[in-house]
Amino acid sequence: VQLVESGGGLVQPGGSLRLSCIASGFSFSTFVMTWYRQTPGKKRELVASIGGAGRVTDYADSVKGRFTISRDNAKNTVYLQMNSLKPEDTAVYYCGAPTRGYWGKGTQVTVSS
């Protein structure tokens, strides 16, 4: 099983980034996929989740209206479109299938001027 995140980087406040997570080694389309984030000294926070068919999504209040989670089951990939980024969005972002305990290694997102 592998989950590989990409797309992180340094962006100015108000900017956008699109994270991608490519999965392999399990039946991707049958699992809820999630994006979490973590900053040093803080608990990992659920950012967004998406059902297996991609029809049901949920978001943390702090990102509603700014972030969009989506998936392409043909490509075994889950995305996180992040718009109107704020400095408090700075974190390492992880994708995961938490019901199976599958996690990627994370990608750093830094929002700073």
C-alpha atoms as a PDB file:
ATOM      1  CA  VAL A   1       0.000   0.000   0.000  1.00  0.00           C
ATOM      2  CA  GLN A   2       1.253   3.456  -0.910  1.00  0.00           C
ATOM      3  CA  LEU A   3      -0.159   6.953  -0.647  1.00  0.00           C
ATOM      4  CA  VAL A   4       1.993   9.678  -2.160  1.00  0.00           C
ATOM      5  CA  GLU A   5       1.103  13.331  -1.706  1.00  0.00           C
ATOM      6  CA  SER A   6       2.349  16.160  -3.894  1.00  0.00           C
ATOM      7  CA  GLY A   7       1.588  19.787  -4.666  1.00  0.00           C
ATOM      8  CA  GLY A   8       2.634  21.475  -1.460  1.00  0.00           C
ATOM      9  CA  GLY A   9       4.863  24.531  -1.343  1.00  0.00           C
ATOM     10  CA  LEU A  10       5.176  28.158  -0.349  1.00  0.00           C
ATOM     11  CA  VAL A  11       2.329  30.477  -1.299  1.00  0.00           C
ATOM     12  CA  GLN A  12       1.339  34.017  -0.353  1.00  0.00           C
ATOM     13  CA  PRO A  13      -1.811  34.699   1.663  1.00  0.00           C
ATOM     14  CA  GLY A  14      -4.825  34.682  -0.648  1.00  0.00           C
ATOM     15  CA  GLY A  15      -3.148  32.288  -3.041  1.00  0.00           C
ATOM     16  CA  SER A  16      -4.087  28.788  -4.122  1.00  0.00           C
ATOM     17  CA  LEU A  17      -2.565  25.328  -4.178  1.00  0.00           C
ATOM     18  CA  ARG A  18      -3.807  21.966  -5.394  1.00  0.00           C
ATOM     19  CA  LEU A  19      -2.676  18.888  -3.506  1.00  0.00           C
ATOM     20  CA  SER A  20      -2.769  15.445  -5.084  1.00  0.00           C
ATOM     21  CA  CYS A  21      -2.513  12.008  -3.514  1.00  0.00           C
ATOM     22  CA  ILE A  22      -1.938   8.919  -5.652  1.00  0.00           C
ATOM     23  CA  ALA A  23      -2.909   5.635  -4.038  1.00  0.00           C
ATOM     24  CA  SER A  24      -1.870   2.102  -4.851  1.00  0.00           C
ATOM     25  CA  GLY A  25      -2.126  -1.368  -3.380  1.00  0.00           C
ATOM     26  CA  PHE A  26      -5.760  -1.330  -2.239  1.00  0.00           C
ATOM     27  CA  SER A  27      -9.282  -0.943  -3.629  1.00  0.00           C
ATOM     28  CA  PHE A  28      -9.193   2.833  -3.723  1.00  0.00           C
ATOM     29  CA  SER A  29     -12.751   3.422  -4.910  1.00  0.00           C
ATOM     30  CA  THR A  30     -14.302   1.527  -2.018  1.00  0.00           C
ATOM     31  CA  PHE A  31     -12.855   3.704   0.732  1.00  0.00           C
ATOM     32  CA  VAL A  32     -13.537   7.097   2.214  1.00  0.00           C
ATOM     33  CA  MET A  33     -10.474   9.237   1.622  1.00  0.00           C
ATOM     34  CA  THR A  34      -9.420  12.106   3.821  1.00  0.00           C
ATOM     35  CA  TRP A  35      -7.017  14.994   4.064  1.00  0.00           C
ATOM     36  CA  TYR A  36      -5.622  15.828   7.487  1.00  0.00           C
ATOM     37  CA  ARG A  37      -3.129  18.472   8.516  1.00  0.00           C
ATOM     38  CA  GLN A  38      -0.761  18.867  11.425  1.00  0.00           C
ATOM     39  CA  THR A  39       1.431  21.611  12.834  1.00  0.00           C
ATOM     40  CA  PRO A  40       4.195  21.093  15.415  1.00  0.00           C
ATOM     41  CA  GLY A  41       2.822  20.547  18.898  1.00  0.00           C
ATOM     42  CA  LYS A  42      -0.764  20.174  17.733  1.00  0.00           C
ATOM     43  CA  LYS A  43      -3.038  17.221  17.147  1.00  0.00           C
ATOM     44  CA  ARG A  44      -3.638  16.096  13.568  1.00  0.00           C
ATOM     45  CA  GLU A  45      -6.774  17.853  12.293  1.00  0.00           C
ATOM     46  CA  LEU A  46      -9.306  16.488   9.800  1.00  0.00           C
ATOM     47  CA  VAL A  47      -9.571  18.934   6.904  1.00  0.00           C
ATOM     48  CA  ALA A  48     -11.879  17.144   4.457  1.00  0.00           C
ATOM     49  CA  SER A  49     -13.266  13.753   3.576  1.00  0.00           C
ATOM     50  CA  ILE A  50     -14.909  12.232   0.514  1.00  0.00           C
ATOM     51  CA  GLY A  51     -16.947   9.083   0.029  1.00  0.00           C
ATOM     52  CA  GLY A  52     -15.932   6.286  -2.281  1.00  0.00           C
ATOM     53  CA  ALA A  53     -18.144   7.437  -5.149  1.00  0.00           C
ATOM     54  CA  GLY A  54     -17.161  11.061  -4.656  1.00  0.00           C
ATOM     55  CA  ARG A  55     -20.707  12.271  -3.997  1.00  0.00           C
ATOM     56  CA  VAL A  56     -20.454  12.876  -0.257  1.00  0.00           C
ATOM     57  CA  THR A  57     -17.962  15.356   1.129  1.00  0.00           C
ATOM     58  CA  ASP A  58     -17.365  16.970   4.485  1.00  0.00           C
ATOM     59  CA  TYR A  59     -15.122  19.798   5.629  1.00  0.00           C
ATOM     60  CA  ALA A  60     -13.728  21.315   8.776  1.00  0.00           C
ATOM     61  CA  ASP A  61     -15.451  24.602   9.570  1.00  0.00           C
ATOM     62  CA  SER A  62     -12.132  26.400   9.222  1.00  0.00           C
ATOM     63  CA  VAL A  63     -11.851  25.528   5.505  1.00  0.00           C
ATOM     64  CA  LYS A  64     -15.474  25.473   4.333  1.00  0.00           C
ATOM     65  CA  GLY A  65     -15.971  27.619   1.265  1.00  0.00           C
ATOM     66  CA  ARG A  66     -12.219  27.753   0.576  1.00  0.00           C
ATOM     67  CA  PHE A  67     -11.139  24.110   0.098  1.00  0.00           C
ATOM     68  CA  THR A  68     -12.617  21.481  -2.202  1.00  0.00           C
ATOM     69  CA  ILE A  69     -11.918  17.767  -2.010  1.00  0.00           C
ATOM     70  CA  SER A  70     -12.433  15.581  -5.076  1.00  0.00           C
ATOM     71  CA  ARG A  71     -11.332  12.217  -6.395  1.00  0.00           C
ATOM     72  CA  ASP A  72     -10.728  10.433  -9.676  1.00  0.00           C
ATOM     73  CA  ASN A  73     -11.199   6.723  -9.087  1.00  0.00           C
ATOM     74  CA  ALA A  74      -9.914   5.898 -12.566  1.00  0.00           C
ATOM     75  CA  LYS A  75      -6.583   7.446 -11.548  1.00  0.00           C
ATOM     76  CA  ASN A  76      -6.637   6.307  -7.886  1.00  0.00           C
ATOM     77  CA  THR A  77      -6.132   9.936  -6.944  1.00  0.00           C
ATOM     78  CA  VAL A  78      -7.666  12.284  -4.407  1.00  0.00           C
ATOM     79  CA  TYR A  79      -7.240  16.057  -4.636  1.00  0.00           C
ATOM     80  CA  LEU A  80      -7.509  19.030  -2.334  1.00  0.00           C
ATOM     81  CA  GLN A  81      -8.009  22.392  -4.032  1.00  0.00           C
ATOM     82  CA  MET A  82      -7.102  25.115  -1.568  1.00  0.00           C
ATOM     83  CA  ASN A  83      -8.101  28.699  -2.330  1.00  0.00           C
ATOM     84  CA  SER A  84      -7.905  31.931  -0.339  1.00  0.00           C
ATOM     85  CA  LEU A  85      -5.116  30.465   1.740  1.00  0.00           C
ATOM     86  CA  LYS A  86      -4.336  31.962   5.130  1.00  0.00           C
ATOM     87  CA  PRO A  87      -1.195  31.797   7.265  1.00  0.00           C
ATOM     88  CA  GLU A  88      -3.067  29.550   9.695  1.00  0.00           C
ATOM     89  CA  ASP A  89      -3.407  26.951   6.920  1.00  0.00           C
ATOM     90  CA  THR A  90       0.332  26.357   7.192  1.00  0.00           C
ATOM     91  CA  ALA A  91       0.848  22.684   8.074  1.00  0.00           C
ATOM     92  CA  VAL A  92       1.929  19.328   6.795  1.00  0.00           C
ATOM     93  CA  TYR A  93      -0.989  17.863   4.852  1.00  0.00           C
ATOM     94  CA  TYR A  94      -1.558  14.117   4.839  1.00  0.00           C
ATOM     95  CA  CYS A  95      -3.932  12.036   2.795  1.00  0.00           C
ATOM     96  CA  GLY A  96      -5.258   8.844   4.270  1.00  0.00           C
ATOM     97  CA  ALA A  97      -7.764   6.045   4.314  1.00  0.00           C
ATOM     98  CA  PRO A  98      -8.249   6.098   8.085  1.00  0.00           C
ATOM     99  CA  THR A  99     -10.535   3.072   8.313  1.00  0.00           C
ATOM    100  CA  ARG A 100      -7.635   0.998   6.996  1.00  0.00           C
ATOM    101  CA  GLY A 101      -4.877   2.912   8.721  1.00  0.00           C
ATOM    102  CA  TYR A 102      -3.274   3.893   5.425  1.00  0.00           C
ATOM    103  CA  TRP A 103      -1.415   7.219   5.416  1.00  0.00           C
ATOM    104  CA  GLY A 104       0.939   9.101   3.187  1.00  0.00           C
ATOM    105  CA  LYS A 105       4.104  10.822   4.354  1.00  0.00           C
ATOM    106  CA  GLY A 106       2.682  14.296   3.937  1.00  0.00           C
ATOM    107  CA  THR A 107       3.412  17.442   1.963  1.00  0.00           C
ATOM    108  CA  GLN A 108       4.331  20.788   3.503  1.00  0.00           C
ATOM    109  CA  VAL A 109       2.116  23.797   2.829  1.00  0.00           C
ATOM    110  CA  THR A 110       3.444  27.176   3.946  1.00  0.00           C
ATOM    111  CA  VAL A 111       1.364  30.326   3.603  1.00  0.00           C
ATOM    112  CA  SER A 112       3.488  33.388   4.148  1.00  0.00           C
ATOM    113  CA  SER A 113       4.292  36.732   2.612  1.00  0.00           C
END
